[in-house]
PDB file of all heavy atoms in Angstrom:
ATOM      1  N   VAL A   1       6.692  14.529  15.873  1.00  0.00           N
ATOM      2  CA  VAL A   1       6.604  13.923  14.563  1.00  0.00           C
ATOM      3  C   VAL A   1       5.448  12.767  14.792  1.00  0.00           C
ATOM      4  O   VAL A   1       5.671  11.882  15.527  1.00  0.00           O
ATOM      5  CB  VAL A   1       7.866  13.265  14.013  1.00  0.00           C
ATOM      6  CG1 VAL A   1       7.612  12.583  12.692  1.00  0.00           C
ATOM      7  CG2 VAL A   1       8.740  14.499  13.713  1.00  0.00           C
ATOM      8  N   LEU A   2       4.480  12.855  13.951  1.00  0.00           N
ATOM      9  CA  LEU A   2       3.289  11.932  14.114  1.00  0.00           C
ATOM     10  C   LEU A   2       3.016  11.026  12.955  1.00  0.00           C
ATOM     11  O   LEU A   2       3.458  11.262  11.846  1.00  0.00           O
ATOM     12  CB  LEU A   2       1.934  12.812  14.262  1.00  0.00           C
ATOM     13  CG  LEU A   2       2.171  13.957  15.309  1.00  0.00           C
ATOM     14  CD1 LEU A   2       0.730  14.716  15.357  1.00  0.00           C
ATOM     15  CD2 LEU A   2       2.230  13.308  16.721  1.00  0.00           C
ATOM     16  N   VAL A   3       2.564   9.734  13.321  1.00  0.00           N
ATOM     17  CA  VAL A   3       2.457   8.781  12.278  1.00  0.00           C
ATOM     18  C   VAL A   3       1.416   9.170  11.240  1.00  0.00           C
ATOM     19  O   VAL A   3       1.504   8.874  10.085  1.00  0.00           O
ATOM     20  CB  VAL A   3       2.017   7.505  13.105  1.00  0.00           C
ATOM     21  CG1 VAL A   3       0.627   7.522  13.597  1.00  0.00           C
ATOM     22  CG2 VAL A   3       2.082   6.218  11.999  1.00  0.00           C
ATOM     23  N   ASN A   4       0.482   9.952  11.651  1.00  0.00           N
ATOM     24  CA  ASN A   4      -0.641  10.325  10.607  1.00  0.00           C
ATOM     25  C   ASN A   4      -0.083  11.205   9.499  1.00  0.00           C
ATOM     26  O   ASN A   4      -0.589  11.487   8.553  1.00  0.00           O
ATOM     27  CB  ASN A   4      -1.778  11.087  11.401  1.00  0.00           C
ATOM     28  CG  ASN A   4      -2.641  10.069  12.126  1.00  0.00           C
ATOM     29  OD1 ASN A   4      -2.681   8.955  11.808  1.00  0.00           O
ATOM     30  ND2 ASN A   4      -3.349  10.551  12.999  1.00  0.00           N
ATOM     31  N   SER A   5       1.217  11.957   9.845  1.00  0.00           N
ATOM     32  CA  SER A   5       1.769  12.743   8.896  1.00  0.00           C
ATOM     33  C   SER A   5       2.217  11.933   7.560  1.00  0.00           C
ATOM     34  O   SER A   5       2.463  12.590   6.587  1.00  0.00           O
ATOM     35  CB  SER A   5       2.946  13.542   9.487  1.00  0.00           C
ATOM     36  OG  SER A   5       2.640  14.190  10.549  1.00  0.00           O
ATOM     37  N   MET A   6       2.280  10.684   7.719  1.00  0.00           N
ATOM     38  CA  MET A   6       2.774   9.756   6.683  1.00  0.00           C
ATOM     39  C   MET A   6       1.680   9.289   5.816  1.00  0.00           C
ATOM     40  O   MET A   6       1.876   8.616   4.773  1.00  0.00           O
ATOM     41  CB  MET A   6       3.515   8.475   7.183  1.00  0.00           C
ATOM     42  CG  MET A   6       4.661   8.780   8.129  1.00  0.00           C
ATOM     43  SD  MET A   6       5.232   7.361   9.054  1.00  0.00           S
ATOM     44  CE  MET A   6       5.491   6.200   7.728  1.00  0.00           C
ATOM     45  N   ALA A   7       0.469   9.509   6.158  1.00  0.00           N
ATOM     46  CA  ALA A   7      -0.764   8.865   5.500  1.00  0.00           C
ATOM     47  C   ALA A   7      -0.840   9.150   4.007  1.00  0.00           C
ATOM     48  O   ALA A   7      -0.989   8.211   3.365  1.00  0.00           O
ATOM     49  CB  ALA A   7      -1.937   9.445   6.304  1.00  0.00           C
ATOM     50  N   GLN A   8      -0.822  10.340   3.596  1.00  0.00           N
ATOM     51  CA  GLN A   8      -0.845  10.709   2.091  1.00  0.00           C
ATOM     52  C   GLN A   8       0.270  10.060   1.398  1.00  0.00           C
ATOM     53  O   GLN A   8       0.014   9.498   0.440  1.00  0.00           O
ATOM     54  CB  GLN A   8      -0.878  12.189   1.958  1.00  0.00           C
ATOM     55  CG  GLN A   8      -2.185  12.949   2.568  1.00  0.00           C
ATOM     56  CD  GLN A   8      -3.465  12.368   1.794  1.00  0.00           C
ATOM     57  OE1 GLN A   8      -4.128  11.563   2.498  1.00  0.00           O
ATOM     58  NE2 GLN A   8      -3.819  12.787   0.663  1.00  0.00           N
ATOM     59  N   SER A   9       1.512  10.131   1.915  1.00  0.00           N
ATOM     60  CA  SER A   9       2.654   9.478   1.208  1.00  0.00           C
ATOM     61  C   SER A   9       2.299   7.979   1.014  1.00  0.00           C
ATOM     62  O   SER A   9       2.719   7.431  -0.016  1.00  0.00           O
ATOM     63  CB  SER A   9       3.908   9.886   2.012  1.00  0.00           C
ATOM     64  OG  SER A   9       4.026  11.207   2.061  1.00  0.00           O
ATOM     65  N   ILE A  10       1.897   7.384   2.047  1.00  0.00           N
ATOM     66  CA  ILE A  10       1.663   5.860   1.964  1.00  0.00           C
ATOM     67  C   ILE A  10       0.658   5.669   0.938  1.00  0.00           C
ATOM     68  O   ILE A  10       0.769   4.594   0.149  1.00  0.00           O
ATOM     69  CB  ILE A  10       1.363   5.302   3.353  1.00  0.00           C
ATOM     70  CG1 ILE A  10       2.488   5.299   4.209  1.00  0.00           C
ATOM     71  CG2 ILE A  10       0.811   3.977   3.304  1.00  0.00           C
ATOM     72  CD1 ILE A  10       2.220   5.035   5.831  1.00  0.00           C
ATOM     73  N   LEU A  11      -0.457   6.178   0.997  1.00  0.00           N
ATOM     74  CA  LEU A  11      -1.618   5.996   0.072  1.00  0.00           C
ATOM     75  C   LEU A  11      -1.072   6.156  -1.438  1.00  0.00           C
ATOM     76  O   LEU A  11      -1.377   5.499  -2.296  1.00  0.00           O
ATOM     77  CB  LEU A  11      -2.925   6.833   0.402  1.00  0.00           C
ATOM     78  CG  LEU A  11      -3.471   6.456   1.612  1.00  0.00           C
ATOM     79  CD1 LEU A  11      -4.560   7.412   2.072  1.00  0.00           C
ATOM     80  CD2 LEU A  11      -4.180   4.950   1.366  1.00  0.00           C
ATOM     81  N   VAL A  12      -0.314   7.372  -1.572  1.00  0.00           N
ATOM     82  CA  VAL A  12       0.131   7.590  -2.919  1.00  0.00           C
ATOM     83  C   VAL A  12       1.054   6.547  -3.461  1.00  0.00           C
ATOM     84  O   VAL A  12       0.981   6.043  -4.588  1.00  0.00           O
ATOM     85  CB  VAL A  12       0.980   8.921  -3.028  1.00  0.00           C
ATOM     86  CG1 VAL A  12       1.704   9.201  -4.295  1.00  0.00           C
ATOM     87  CG2 VAL A  12      -0.151  10.121  -2.854  1.00  0.00           C
ATOM     88  N   LYS A  13       1.934   6.114  -2.461  1.00  0.00           N
ATOM     89  CA  LYS A  13       2.907   5.101  -2.910  1.00  0.00           C
ATOM     90  C   LYS A  13       2.072   3.751  -3.361  1.00  0.00           C
ATOM     91  O   LYS A  13       2.419   3.067  -4.311  1.00  0.00           O
ATOM     92  CB  LYS A  13       3.856   4.711  -1.771  1.00  0.00           C
ATOM     93  CG  LYS A  13       4.922   3.784  -2.023  1.00  0.00           C
ATOM     94  CD  LYS A  13       6.047   4.432  -2.839  1.00  0.00           C
ATOM     95  CE  LYS A  13       7.263   3.499  -3.011  1.00  0.00           C
ATOM     96  NZ  LYS A  13       8.358   4.259  -3.645  1.00  0.00           N
ATOM     97  N   LEU A  14       1.169   3.279  -2.505  1.00  0.00           N
ATOM     98  CA  LEU A  14       0.438   2.129  -2.745  1.00  0.00           C
ATOM     99  C   LEU A  14      -0.436   2.215  -3.978  1.00  0.00           C
ATOM    100  O   LEU A  14      -0.574   1.168  -4.676  1.00  0.00           O
ATOM    101  CB  LEU A  14      -0.310   1.734  -1.396  1.00  0.00           C
ATOM    102  CG  LEU A  14       0.447   1.349  -0.219  1.00  0.00           C
ATOM    103  CD1 LEU A  14      -0.617   1.144   0.957  1.00  0.00           C
ATOM    104  CD2 LEU A  14       1.249   0.226  -0.409  1.00  0.00           C
ATOM    105  N   ARG A  15      -0.963   3.236  -4.168  1.00  0.00           N
ATOM    106  CA  ARG A  15      -1.942   3.388  -5.411  1.00  0.00           C
ATOM    107  C   ARG A  15      -1.012   3.400  -6.707  1.00  0.00           C
ATOM    108  O   ARG A  15      -1.570   2.977  -7.804  1.00  0.00           O
ATOM    109  CB  ARG A  15      -2.682   4.676  -5.269  1.00  0.00           C
ATOM    110  CG  ARG A  15      -3.836   4.662  -4.318  1.00  0.00           C
ATOM    111  CD  ARG A  15      -4.788   5.810  -4.357  1.00  0.00           C
ATOM    112  NE  ARG A  15      -5.841   5.682  -3.336  1.00  0.00           N
ATOM    113  CZ  ARG A  15      -6.781   6.585  -3.134  1.00  0.00           C
ATOM    114  NH1 ARG A  15      -6.845   7.650  -3.943  1.00  0.00           N
ATOM    115  NH2 ARG A  15      -7.681   6.519  -2.159  1.00  0.00           N
ATOM    116  N   THR A  16       0.107   3.897  -6.729  1.00  0.00           N
ATOM    117  CA  THR A  16       0.918   3.991  -7.866  1.00  0.00           C
ATOM    118  C   THR A  16       1.983   2.815  -8.071  1.00  0.00           C
ATOM    119  O   THR A  16       2.565   2.727  -9.096  1.00  0.00           O
ATOM    120  CB  THR A  16       1.720   5.334  -7.800  1.00  0.00           C
ATOM    121  OG1 THR A  16       2.570   5.374  -6.676  1.00  0.00           O
ATOM    122  CG2 THR A  16       0.842   6.453  -7.907  1.00  0.00           C
ATOM    123  N   MET A  17       2.084   1.995  -7.014  1.00  0.00           N
ATOM    124  CA  MET A  17       3.096   0.910  -7.048  1.00  0.00           C
ATOM    125  C   MET A  17       2.455  -0.271  -7.969  1.00  0.00           C
ATOM    126  O   MET A  17       1.406  -0.741  -7.593  1.00  0.00           O
ATOM    127  CB  MET A  17       3.558   0.439  -5.739  1.00  0.00           C
ATOM    128  CG  MET A  17       4.589  -0.579  -5.669  1.00  0.00           C
ATOM    129  SD  MET A  17       5.003  -1.188  -3.997  1.00  0.00           S
ATOM    130  CE  MET A  17       5.850   0.187  -3.386  1.00  0.00           C
ATOM    131  N   PRO A  18       3.116  -0.695  -8.901  1.00  0.00           N
ATOM    132  CA  PRO A  18       2.723  -1.859  -9.738  1.00  0.00           C
ATOM    133  C   PRO A  18       2.452  -3.117  -8.782  1.00  0.00           C
ATOM    134  O   PRO A  18       3.361  -3.297  -7.845  1.00  0.00           O
ATOM    135  CB  PRO A  18       3.744  -2.129 -10.790  1.00  0.00           C
ATOM    136  CG  PRO A  18       4.591  -0.755 -10.918  1.00  0.00           C
ATOM    137  CD  PRO A  18       4.414  -0.245  -9.460  1.00  0.00           C
ATOM    138  N   ILE A  19       1.593  -3.935  -8.974  1.00  0.00           N
ATOM    139  CA  ILE A  19       1.241  -5.091  -8.227  1.00  0.00           C
ATOM    140  C   ILE A  19       2.482  -6.027  -8.061  1.00  0.00           C
ATOM    141  O   ILE A  19       2.776  -6.649  -7.027  1.00  0.00           O
ATOM    142  CB  ILE A  19       0.125  -5.903  -8.699  1.00  0.00           C
ATOM    143  CG1 ILE A  19      -0.391  -6.758  -7.611  1.00  0.00           C
ATOM    144  CG2 ILE A  19       0.393  -6.617  -9.902  1.00  0.00           C
ATOM    145  CD1 ILE A  19      -1.160  -6.193  -6.541  1.00  0.00           C
ATOM    146  N   GLU A  20       3.299  -6.087  -9.231  1.00  0.00           N
ATOM    147  CA  GLU A  20       4.643  -6.956  -9.226  1.00  0.00           C
ATOM    148  C   GLU A  20       5.612  -6.447  -8.182  1.00  0.00           C
ATOM    149  O   GLU A  20       6.237  -7.165  -7.438  1.00  0.00           O
ATOM    150  CB  GLU A  20       5.189  -7.041 -10.575  1.00  0.00           C
ATOM    151  CG  GLU A  20       4.269  -7.746 -11.570  1.00  0.00           C
ATOM    152  CD  GLU A  20       3.158  -6.800 -12.122  1.00  0.00           C
ATOM    153  OE1 GLU A  20       3.305  -5.598 -11.862  1.00  0.00           O
ATOM    154  OE2 GLU A  20       2.302  -7.228 -12.764  1.00  0.00           O
ATOM    155  N   GLN A  21       5.704  -5.099  -8.173  1.00  0.00           N
ATOM    156  CA  GLN A  21       6.626  -4.460  -7.117  1.00  0.00           C
ATOM    157  C   GLN A  21       6.118  -4.663  -5.643  1.00  0.00           C
ATOM    158  O   GLN A  21       6.913  -4.949  -4.915  1.00  0.00           O
ATOM    159  CB  GLN A  21       6.809  -3.040  -7.481  1.00  0.00           C
ATOM    160  CG  GLN A  21       7.976  -2.364  -6.570  1.00  0.00           C
ATOM    161  CD  GLN A  21       8.048  -0.784  -7.044  1.00  0.00           C
ATOM    162  OE1 GLN A  21       7.418  -0.391  -8.054  1.00  0.00           O
ATOM    163  NE2 GLN A  21       8.780  -0.010  -6.240  1.00  0.00           N
ATOM    164  N   LEU A  22       4.847  -4.526  -5.505  1.00  0.00           N
ATOM    165  CA  LEU A  22       4.261  -4.597  -4.254  1.00  0.00           C
ATOM    166  C   LEU A  22       4.441  -6.052  -3.686  1.00  0.00           C
ATOM    167  O   LEU A  22       4.732  -6.342  -2.565  1.00  0.00           O
ATOM    168  CB  LEU A  22       2.758  -4.188  -4.259  1.00  0.00           C
ATOM    169  CG  LEU A  22       2.065  -4.231  -2.914  1.00  0.00           C
ATOM    170  CD1 LEU A  22       2.730  -3.136  -2.023  1.00  0.00           C
ATOM    171  CD2 LEU A  22       0.555  -3.835  -3.136  1.00  0.00           C
ATOM    172  N   ARG A  23       4.368  -7.062  -4.540  1.00  0.00           N
ATOM    173  CA  ARG A  23       4.559  -8.466  -4.244  1.00  0.00           C
ATOM    174  C   ARG A  23       5.897  -8.802  -3.626  1.00  0.00           C
ATOM    175  O   ARG A  23       6.022  -9.626  -2.908  1.00  0.00           O
ATOM    176  CB  ARG A  23       4.207  -9.323  -5.416  1.00  0.00           C
ATOM    177  CG  ARG A  23       4.224 -10.843  -5.091  1.00  0.00           C
ATOM    178  CD  ARG A  23       4.034 -11.576  -6.405  1.00  0.00           C
ATOM    179  NE  ARG A  23       2.715 -11.375  -6.974  1.00  0.00           N
ATOM    180  CZ  ARG A  23       2.349 -10.898  -8.190  1.00  0.00           C
ATOM    181  NH1 ARG A  23       3.383 -10.522  -8.959  1.00  0.00           N
ATOM    182  NH2 ARG A  23       1.117 -10.674  -8.515  1.00  0.00           N
ATOM    183  N   ASN A  24       6.933  -7.876  -4.057  1.00  0.00           N
ATOM    184  CA  ASN A  24       8.273  -8.189  -3.632  1.00  0.00           C
ATOM    185  C   ASN A  24       8.660  -7.443  -2.389  1.00  0.00           C
ATOM    186  O   ASN A  24       9.745  -7.676  -1.960  1.00  0.00           O
ATOM    187  CB  ASN A  24       9.241  -7.778  -4.825  1.00  0.00           C
ATOM    188  CG  ASN A  24       9.195  -8.637  -6.000  1.00  0.00           C
ATOM    189  OD1 ASN A  24       8.937  -9.903  -5.859  1.00  0.00           O
ATOM    190  ND2 ASN A  24       9.332  -8.209  -7.236  1.00  0.00           N
ATOM    191  N   ILE A  25       7.751  -6.678  -1.846  1.00  0.00           N
ATOM    192  CA  ILE A  25       8.112  -5.917  -0.644  1.00  0.00           C
ATOM    193  C   ILE A  25       8.218  -7.026   0.466  1.00  0.00           C
ATOM    194  O   ILE A  25       7.404  -7.930   0.634  1.00  0.00           O
ATOM    195  CB  ILE A  25       6.915  -4.907  -0.335  1.00  0.00           C
ATOM    196  CG1 ILE A  25       6.955  -3.817  -1.447  1.00  0.00           C
ATOM    197  CG2 ILE A  25       7.146  -4.340   1.020  1.00  0.00           C
ATOM    198  CD1 ILE A  25       8.223  -3.023  -1.419  1.00  0.00           C
ATOM    199  N   TYR A  26       9.088  -6.727   1.384  1.00  0.00           N
ATOM    200  CA  TYR A  26       9.401  -7.544   2.581  1.00  0.00           C
ATOM    201  C   TYR A  26       8.074  -7.805   3.365  1.00  0.00           C
ATOM    202  O   TYR A  26       7.316  -6.806   3.703  1.00  0.00           O
ATOM    203  CB  TYR A  26      10.566  -6.974   3.379  1.00  0.00           C
ATOM    204  CG  TYR A  26      10.843  -7.756   4.618  1.00  0.00           C
ATOM    205  CD1 TYR A  26      11.362  -9.079   4.493  1.00  0.00           C
ATOM    206  CD2 TYR A  26      10.748  -7.186   5.875  1.00  0.00           C
ATOM    207  CE1 TYR A  26      11.613  -9.814   5.607  1.00  0.00           C
ATOM    208  CE2 TYR A  26      11.033  -7.990   7.034  1.00  0.00           C
ATOM    209  CZ  TYR A  26      11.470  -9.272   6.751  1.00  0.00           C
ATOM    210  OH  TYR A  26      11.824 -10.005   7.918  1.00  0.00           O
ATOM    211  N   GLU A  27       7.886  -8.992   3.724  1.00  0.00           N
ATOM    212  CA  GLU A  27       6.823  -9.451   4.593  1.00  0.00           C
ATOM    213  C   GLU A  27       5.364  -9.524   3.854  1.00  0.00           C
ATOM    214  O   GLU A  27       4.429  -9.829   4.483  1.00  0.00           O
ATOM    215  CB  GLU A  27       6.623  -8.627   5.915  1.00  0.00           C
ATOM    216  CG  GLU A  27       7.680  -9.102   6.991  1.00  0.00           C
ATOM    217  CD  GLU A  27       7.231  -8.801   8.421  1.00  0.00           C
ATOM    218  OE1 GLU A  27       6.233  -8.025   8.551  1.00  0.00           O
ATOM    219  OE2 GLU A  27       7.983  -9.260   9.409  1.00  0.00           O
ATOM    220  N   ILE A  28       5.317  -9.205   2.697  1.00  0.00           N
ATOM    221  CA  ILE A  28       4.050  -9.310   1.914  1.00  0.00           C
ATOM    222  C   ILE A  28       4.083 -10.803   1.204  1.00  0.00           C
ATOM    223  O   ILE A  28       5.041 -11.137   0.570  1.00  0.00           O
ATOM    224  CB  ILE A  28       3.934  -8.222   0.791  1.00  0.00           C
ATOM    225  CG1 ILE A  28       3.622  -6.949   1.512  1.00  0.00           C
ATOM    226  CG2 ILE A  28       2.776  -8.613  -0.085  1.00  0.00           C
ATOM    227  CD1 ILE A  28       3.488  -5.829   0.603  1.00  0.00           C
ATOM    228  N   SER A  29       3.109 -11.495   1.560  1.00  0.00           N
ATOM    229  CA  SER A  29       2.992 -12.963   1.037  1.00  0.00           C
ATOM    230  C   SER A  29       1.492 -13.393   1.011  1.00  0.00           C
ATOM    231  O   SER A  29       0.682 -12.647   1.422  1.00  0.00           O
ATOM    232  CB  SER A  29       3.917 -13.879   1.995  1.00  0.00           C
ATOM    233  OG  SER A  29       3.401 -13.806   3.303  1.00  0.00           O
ATOM    234  N   GLU A  30       1.329 -14.536   0.580  1.00  0.00           N
ATOM    235  CA  GLU A  30       0.048 -15.174   0.584  1.00  0.00           C
ATOM    236  C   GLU A  30      -0.975 -14.288  -0.082  1.00  0.00           C
ATOM    237  O   GLU A  30      -2.224 -14.289   0.247  1.00  0.00           O
ATOM    238  CB  GLU A  30      -0.528 -15.462   2.138  1.00  0.00           C
ATOM    239  CG  GLU A  30       0.467 -16.276   2.824  1.00  0.00           C
ATOM    240  CD  GLU A  30       0.183 -16.329   4.281  1.00  0.00           C
ATOM    241  OE1 GLU A  30      -0.150 -15.238   4.934  1.00  0.00           O
ATOM    242  OE2 GLU A  30       0.262 -17.398   4.932  1.00  0.00           O
ATOM    243  N   GLY A  31      -0.689 -13.553  -1.107  1.00  0.00           N
ATOM    244  CA  GLY A  31      -1.572 -12.773  -1.915  1.00  0.00           C
ATOM    245  C   GLY A  31      -2.042 -11.473  -1.270  1.00  0.00           C
ATOM    246  O   GLY A  31      -2.880 -10.808  -1.633  1.00  0.00           O
ATOM    247  N   LEU A  32      -1.258 -11.206  -0.186  1.00  0.00           N
ATOM    248  CA  LEU A  32      -1.562  -9.924   0.479  1.00  0.00           C
ATOM    249  C   LEU A  32      -1.537  -8.643  -0.358  1.00  0.00           C
ATOM    250  O   LEU A  32      -2.231  -7.633  -0.098  1.00  0.00           O
ATOM    251  CB  LEU A  32      -0.773  -9.732   1.861  1.00  0.00           C
ATOM    252  CG  LEU A  32      -1.030  -8.610   2.682  1.00  0.00           C
ATOM    253  CD1 LEU A  32      -2.345  -8.734   3.339  1.00  0.00           C
ATOM    254  CD2 LEU A  32       0.064  -8.403   3.695  1.00  0.00           C
ATOM    255  N   GLU A  33      -0.611  -8.716  -1.337  1.00  0.00           N
ATOM    256  CA  GLU A  33      -0.447  -7.556  -2.230  1.00  0.00           C
ATOM    257  C   GLU A  33      -1.873  -7.118  -2.952  1.00  0.00           C
ATOM    258  O   GLU A  33      -2.099  -5.965  -3.032  1.00  0.00           O
ATOM    259  CB  GLU A  33       0.550  -7.829  -3.292  1.00  0.00           C
ATOM    260  CG  GLU A  33       0.246  -8.917  -4.237  1.00  0.00           C
ATOM    261  CD  GLU A  33       0.663 -10.351  -3.848  1.00  0.00           C
ATOM    262  OE1 GLU A  33       0.985 -10.547  -2.614  1.00  0.00           O
ATOM    263  OE2 GLU A  33       0.664 -11.283  -4.772  1.00  0.00           O
ATOM    264  N   TYR A  34      -2.646  -8.169  -3.247  1.00  0.00           N
ATOM    265  CA  TYR A  34      -3.954  -7.765  -3.871  1.00  0.00           C
ATOM    266  C   TYR A  34      -4.871  -7.116  -2.838  1.00  0.00           C
ATOM    267  O   TYR A  34      -5.592  -6.129  -3.215  1.00  0.00           O
ATOM    268  CB  TYR A  34      -4.584  -9.045  -4.320  1.00  0.00           C
ATOM    269  CG  TYR A  34      -3.897  -9.789  -5.522  1.00  0.00           C
ATOM    270  CD1 TYR A  34      -3.165 -10.946  -5.284  1.00  0.00           C
ATOM    271  CD2 TYR A  34      -3.785  -9.150  -6.775  1.00  0.00           C
ATOM    272  CE1 TYR A  34      -2.321 -11.438  -6.399  1.00  0.00           C
ATOM    273  CE2 TYR A  34      -3.179  -9.663  -7.769  1.00  0.00           C
ATOM    274  CZ  TYR A  34      -2.326 -10.904  -7.619  1.00  0.00           C
ATOM    275  OH  TYR A  34      -1.584 -11.436  -8.545  1.00  0.00           O
ATOM    276  N   ARG A  35      -4.866  -7.751  -1.577  1.00  0.00           N
ATOM    277  CA  ARG A  35      -5.741  -7.123  -0.570  1.00  0.00           C
ATOM    278  C   ARG A  35      -5.347  -5.638  -0.246  1.00  0.00           C
ATOM    279  O   ARG A  35      -5.974  -4.744  -0.084  1.00  0.00           O
ATOM    280  CB  ARG A  35      -5.481  -7.860   0.685  1.00  0.00           C
ATOM    281  CG  ARG A  35      -6.406  -7.594   1.775  1.00  0.00           C
ATOM    282  CD  ARG A  35      -6.450  -8.624   2.999  1.00  0.00           C
ATOM    283  NE  ARG A  35      -7.402  -8.331   3.960  1.00  0.00           N
ATOM    284  CZ  ARG A  35      -7.835  -9.216   4.695  1.00  0.00           C
ATOM    285  NH1 ARG A  35      -7.533 -10.505   4.622  1.00  0.00           N
ATOM    286  NH2 ARG A  35      -8.676  -8.834   5.691  1.00  0.00           N
ATOM    287  N   ILE A  36      -3.969  -5.423  -0.250  1.00  0.00           N
ATOM    288  CA  ILE A  36      -3.468  -3.992   0.070  1.00  0.00           C
ATOM    289  C   ILE A  36      -3.911  -3.059  -1.073  1.00  0.00           C
ATOM    290  O   ILE A  36      -4.270  -1.949  -0.912  1.00  0.00           O
ATOM    291  CB  ILE A  36      -1.909  -4.087   0.186  1.00  0.00           C
ATOM    292  CG1 ILE A  36      -1.445  -4.803   1.548  1.00  0.00           C
ATOM    293  CG2 ILE A  36      -1.255  -2.710   0.192  1.00  0.00           C
ATOM    294  CD1 ILE A  36      -0.022  -4.954   1.652  1.00  0.00           C
ATOM    295  N   LYS A  37      -3.661  -3.631  -2.287  1.00  0.00           N
ATOM    296  CA  LYS A  37      -3.839  -2.751  -3.573  1.00  0.00           C
ATOM    297  C   LYS A  37      -5.361  -2.444  -3.558  1.00  0.00           C
ATOM    298  O   LYS A  37      -5.773  -1.290  -3.916  1.00  0.00           O
ATOM    299  CB  LYS A  37      -3.626  -3.604  -4.823  1.00  0.00           C
ATOM    300  CG  LYS A  37      -3.377  -2.698  -6.039  1.00  0.00           C
ATOM    301  CD  LYS A  37      -2.129  -1.711  -5.891  1.00  0.00           C
ATOM    302  CE  LYS A  37      -1.917  -1.109  -7.311  1.00  0.00           C
ATOM    303  NZ  LYS A  37      -0.722  -0.144  -7.160  1.00  0.00           N
ATOM    304  N   GLN A  38      -6.327  -3.293  -3.284  1.00  0.00           N
ATOM    305  CA  GLN A  38      -7.695  -3.011  -3.275  1.00  0.00           C
ATOM    306  C   GLN A  38      -7.960  -1.990  -2.268  1.00  0.00           C
ATOM    307  O   GLN A  38      -8.811  -1.044  -2.422  1.00  0.00           O
ATOM    308  CB  GLN A  38      -8.535  -4.275  -3.122  1.00  0.00           C
ATOM    309  CG  GLN A  38     -10.029  -4.149  -3.235  1.00  0.00           C
ATOM    310  CD  GLN A  38     -10.816  -5.387  -2.983  1.00  0.00           C
ATOM    311  OE1 GLN A  38     -10.197  -6.476  -2.808  1.00  0.00           O
ATOM    312  NE2 GLN A  38     -12.025  -5.466  -3.186  1.00  0.00           N
ATOM    313  N   ALA A  39      -7.436  -2.245  -1.035  1.00  0.00           N
ATOM    314  CA  ALA A  39      -7.786  -1.341   0.065  1.00  0.00           C
ATOM    315  C   ALA A  39      -7.253   0.124  -0.176  1.00  0.00           C
ATOM    316  O   ALA A  39      -7.967   1.108   0.188  1.00  0.00           O
ATOM    317  CB  ALA A  39      -7.019  -1.926   1.359  1.00  0.00           C
ATOM    318  N   ALA A  40      -6.005   0.186  -0.873  1.00  0.00           N
ATOM    319  CA  ALA A  40      -5.542   1.465  -1.211  1.00  0.00           C
ATOM    320  C   ALA A  40      -6.336   2.292  -2.082  1.00  0.00           C
ATOM    321  O   ALA A  40      -6.287   3.446  -2.026  1.00  0.00           O
ATOM    322  CB  ALA A  40      -4.075   1.280  -1.651  1.00  0.00           C
ATOM    323  N   SER A  41      -6.975   1.497  -2.962  1.00  0.00           N
ATOM    324  CA  SER A  41      -7.923   2.297  -3.926  1.00  0.00           C
ATOM    325  C   SER A  41      -9.217   2.738  -3.325  1.00  0.00           C
ATOM    326  O   SER A  41      -9.804   3.695  -3.764  1.00  0.00           O
ATOM    327  CB  SER A  41      -8.050   1.209  -5.126  1.00  0.00           C
ATOM    328  OG  SER A  41      -6.902   0.973  -5.754  1.00  0.00           O
ATOM    329  N   SER A  42      -9.711   1.934  -2.318  1.00  0.00           N
ATOM    330  CA  SER A  42     -10.981   2.322  -1.747  1.00  0.00           C
ATOM    331  C   SER A  42     -10.980   3.013  -0.413  1.00  0.00           C
ATOM    332  O   SER A  42     -11.942   3.647  -0.068  1.00  0.00           O
ATOM    333  CB  SER A  42     -11.723   0.984  -1.483  1.00  0.00           C
ATOM    334  OG  SER A  42     -11.042   0.195  -0.679  1.00  0.00           O
ATOM    335  N   CYS A  43      -9.817   3.085   0.168  1.00  0.00           N
ATOM    336  CA  CYS A  43      -9.748   3.829   1.472  1.00  0.00           C
ATOM    337  C   CYS A  43      -9.055   5.200   1.387  1.00  0.00           C
ATOM    338  O   CYS A  43      -8.321   5.476   0.530  1.00  0.00           O
ATOM    339  CB  CYS A  43      -8.853   3.062   2.467  1.00  0.00           C
ATOM    340  SG  CYS A  43      -9.632   1.442   2.946  1.00  0.00           S
ATOM    341  N   GLY A  44      -9.607   6.126   2.237  1.00  0.00           N
ATOM    342  CA  GLY A  44      -9.199   7.495   2.151  1.00  0.00           C
ATOM    343  C   GLY A  44      -8.302   7.904   3.209  1.00  0.00           C
ATOM    344  O   GLY A  44      -7.722   8.988   3.199  1.00  0.00           O
ATOM    345  N   THR A  45      -8.129   7.045   4.268  1.00  0.00           N
ATOM    346  CA  THR A  45      -7.184   7.331   5.377  1.00  0.00           C
ATOM    347  C   THR A  45      -6.397   6.021   5.611  1.00  0.00           C
ATOM    348  O   THR A  45      -6.860   4.840   5.283  1.00  0.00           O
ATOM    349  CB  THR A  45      -7.956   7.691   6.517  1.00  0.00           C
ATOM    350  OG1 THR A  45      -8.530   6.496   7.158  1.00  0.00           O
ATOM    351  CG2 THR A  45      -8.920   8.702   6.393  1.00  0.00           C
TER     352      THR A  45
END
């Protein structure tokens, strides 16, 4: 079982998750949710 097998699921989750929900995810702080959201929209892997 390989970590790359999770790639599409992770990108789908991050692109569809509202920013408010992402902000509440454990260990996300200091505005990291915006950085993650932007990266999920622009990155293909």
